[in-house]
């Protein structure tokens, strides 16, 4: 069920590119910590299943340098991280610090499908040197590719707006 952040008639200003990038930087540091913990847990489970001696041998030979299962687990972990925050409160920890929020045009929280679309387009937006985010400079509604693709928007919260 969607959470209502504010009345549909209330229009909050779009978040600036600088605030978005700073929130991404902040969240990036948190994501590194999350990925380290998940990689540690994955390694322990994989070593236990394979056998600790055999796993150490594979690691020394460099045969664990590319593990598609680990890559997939980390990719899904990041989606769950962002999806959880975006669908519940509309804000990751970095977004809370910079007082911005992702929401639908009517002031409600986004769905898990919208979160998936934002997440996937977020990766694609960085591929052409961040053009997907720089796009908001030329967009009349100040929306990025992730905003457009997921039919959501990132707004700036004024001081009296509850987070």
Protein backbone atom coordinates (compact mmCIF):
# COMPACT_ATOMS: atom_id res chain seq x y z
CA UNK A 1 0.00 0.00 0.00
CA UNK A 2 1.33 3.40 -0.99
CA UNK A 3 2.25 5.81 1.76
CA UNK A 4 1.03 9.39 1.36
CA UNK A 5 3.74 11.95 2.05
CA UNK A 6 1.65 15.08 1.38
CA UNK A 7 -1.54 16.26 -0.33
CA UNK A 8 -1.59 15.83 -4.13
CA UNK A 9 -2.17 19.58 -4.54
CA UNK A 10 1.03 20.44 -2.66
CA UNK A 11 3.87 20.84 -5.13
CA UNK A 12 7.38 20.43 -3.79
CA UNK A 13 10.31 21.81 -5.83
CA UNK A 14 12.50 19.35 -7.72
CA UNK A 15 15.75 18.41 -6.02
CA UNK A 16 18.84 20.04 -7.47
CA UNK A 17 21.48 18.04 -9.30
CA UNK A 18 24.03 18.90 -6.61
CA UNK A 19 21.83 17.53 -3.80
CA UNK A 20 21.17 14.37 -5.80
CA UNK A 21 24.86 13.80 -6.46
CA UNK A 22 25.80 14.44 -2.83
CA UNK A 23 23.12 11.99 -1.66
CA UNK A 24 24.49 9.42 -4.15
CA UNK A 25 27.98 9.92 -2.77
CA UNK A 26 26.75 9.45 0.80
CA UNK A 27 24.72 6.37 -0.17
CA UNK A 28 27.68 5.03 -2.14
CA UNK A 29 29.75 4.89 1.04
CA UNK A 30 26.97 3.06 2.85
CA UNK A 31 26.59 0.65 -0.07
CA UNK A 32 30.30 -0.18 0.07
CA UNK A 33 29.89 -1.20 3.71
CA UNK A 34 26.78 -3.28 2.91
CA UNK A 35 28.55 -4.99 0.00
CA UNK A 36 31.57 -5.79 2.17
CA UNK A 37 29.37 -7.49 4.75
CA UNK A 38 27.43 -9.45 2.12
CA UNK A 39 30.65 -10.50 0.38
CA UNK A 40 32.06 -11.67 3.72
CA UNK A 41 28.92 -13.72 4.45
CA UNK A 42 28.87 -15.14 0.91
CA UNK A 43 32.55 -16.11 1.18
CA UNK A 44 31.96 -17.89 4.48
CA UNK A 45 29.01 -19.87 3.08
CA UNK A 46 30.83 -20.68 -0.18
CA UNK A 47 33.93 -21.82 1.73
CA UNK A 48 31.81 -23.96 4.04
CA UNK A 49 30.01 -25.61 1.09
CA UNK A 50 33.16 -26.09 -0.98
CA UNK A 51 35.40 -26.92 1.93
CA UNK A 52 37.70 -24.35 3.49
CA UNK A 53 40.91 -25.92 2.20
CA UNK A 54 39.57 -26.31 -1.35
CA UNK A 55 38.20 -22.75 -1.27
CA UNK A 56 41.58 -21.36 -0.17
CA UNK A 57 43.25 -23.32 -2.97
CA UNK A 58 40.81 -21.90 -5.54
CA UNK A 59 41.41 -18.40 -4.22
CA UNK A 60 45.20 -18.78 -4.47
CA UNK A 61 44.87 -19.91 -8.09
CA UNK A 62 42.73 -16.86 -8.87
CA UNK A 63 39.74 -18.97 -9.88
CA UNK A 64 37.42 -16.98 -7.60
CA UNK A 65 38.24 -13.61 -9.16
CA UNK A 66 35.13 -13.73 -11.34
CA UNK A 67 32.16 -15.26 -9.58
CA UNK A 68 28.89 -14.57 -11.42
CA UNK A 69 26.82 -15.79 -8.49
CA UNK A 70 28.51 -13.34 -6.11
CA UNK A 71 28.01 -10.54 -8.65
CA UNK A 72 24.32 -11.42 -8.90
CA UNK A 73 23.92 -11.56 -5.12
CA UNK A 74 25.54 -8.12 -4.75
CA UNK A 75 23.40 -6.66 -7.55
CA UNK A 76 20.18 -7.94 -5.94
CA UNK A 77 21.36 -6.80 -2.50
CA UNK A 78 21.75 -3.23 -3.74
CA UNK A 79 18.30 -3.34 -5.34
CA UNK A 80 16.79 -4.54 -2.05
CA UNK A 81 18.66 -1.80 -0.17
CA UNK A 82 17.38 1.00 -2.39
CA UNK A 83 13.95 -0.54 -2.94
CA UNK A 84 13.35 -0.88 0.79
CA UNK A 85 14.06 2.79 1.49
CA UNK A 86 12.39 4.17 -1.63
CA UNK A 87 9.13 2.24 -1.13
CA UNK A 88 8.84 2.85 2.63
CA UNK A 89 9.99 6.40 3.30
CA UNK A 90 11.02 7.62 -0.14
CA UNK A 91 14.48 8.35 1.24
CA UNK A 92 17.73 6.51 1.54
CA UNK A 93 20.04 7.60 4.34
CA UNK A 94 21.89 9.94 1.98
CA UNK A 95 18.61 11.43 0.80
CA UNK A 96 17.59 12.07 4.41
CA UNK A 97 20.79 14.00 5.06
CA UNK A 98 20.28 16.20 1.98
CA UNK A 99 16.50 16.50 2.54
CA UNK A 100 15.33 15.05 -0.76
CA UNK A 101 12.76 12.33 -1.43
CA UNK A 102 11.59 10.17 -4.32
CA UNK A 103 7.83 10.08 -4.76
CA UNK A 104 5.03 9.84 -7.29
CA UNK A 105 3.51 12.99 -8.77
CA UNK A 106 0.55 12.65 -6.38
CA UNK A 107 2.79 12.67 -3.28
CA UNK A 108 2.75 8.92 -2.56
CA UNK A 109 5.57 6.43 -2.18
CA UNK A 110 6.75 4.53 -5.21
CA UNK A 111 6.10 0.80 -5.75
CA UNK A 112 8.66 -2.01 -5.85
CA UNK A 113 8.28 -2.12 -9.65
CA UNK A 114 9.05 1.61 -9.85
CA UNK A 115 12.02 1.05 -7.53
CA UNK A 116 13.28 -1.68 -9.88
CA UNK A 117 12.89 0.62 -12.88
CA UNK A 118 14.74 3.43 -11.05
CA UNK A 119 17.50 1.04 -10.00
CA UNK A 120 18.03 -0.42 -13.48
CA UNK A 121 17.90 2.97 -15.20
CA UNK A 122 20.27 4.34 -12.57
CA UNK A 123 22.97 1.98 -13.80
CA UNK A 124 22.26 2.92 -17.42
CA UNK A 125 22.26 6.63 -16.57
CA UNK A 126 25.87 6.45 -15.42
CA UNK A 127 27.07 4.49 -18.49
CA UNK A 128 27.27 7.50 -20.87
CA UNK A 129 29.35 9.55 -18.39
CA UNK A 130 26.36 10.39 -16.20
CA UNK A 131 24.26 11.83 -19.01
CA UNK A 132 21.11 10.28 -17.53
CA UNK A 133 21.50 12.50 -14.47
CA UNK A 134 22.86 15.55 -16.28
CA UNK A 135 19.72 15.34 -18.42
CA UNK A 136 17.82 17.28 -15.77
CA UNK A 137 19.78 20.40 -16.73
CA UNK A 138 17.94 20.49 -20.07
CA UNK A 139 14.65 18.93 -18.97
CA UNK A 140 11.81 21.42 -18.47
CA UNK A 141 10.53 19.49 -15.42
CA UNK A 142 14.06 18.94 -14.01
CA UNK A 143 13.72 15.15 -14.26
CA UNK A 144 16.47 12.63 -14.91
CA UNK A 145 16.23 9.45 -16.96
CA UNK A 146 15.49 7.48 -13.77
CA UNK A 147 12.63 9.86 -12.93
CA UNK A 148 11.11 9.61 -16.39
CA UNK A 149 11.55 5.86 -16.75
CA UNK A 150 10.00 5.09 -13.35
CA UNK A 151 7.32 7.80 -13.62
CA UNK A 152 8.44 9.32 -10.32
CA UNK A 153 10.29 12.43 -9.22
CA UNK A 154 12.84 13.52 -6.66
CA UNK A 155 11.76 16.54 -4.66
CA UNK A 156 13.51 18.86 -2.27
CA UNK A 157 12.00 19.04 1.19
CA UNK A 158 11.67 22.49 2.70
CA UNK A 159 12.48 22.95 6.39
CA UNK A 160 8.89 22.52 7.65
CA UNK A 161 8.17 19.43 5.49
CA UNK A 162 8.20 16.25 7.64
CA UNK A 163 10.60 13.60 6.47
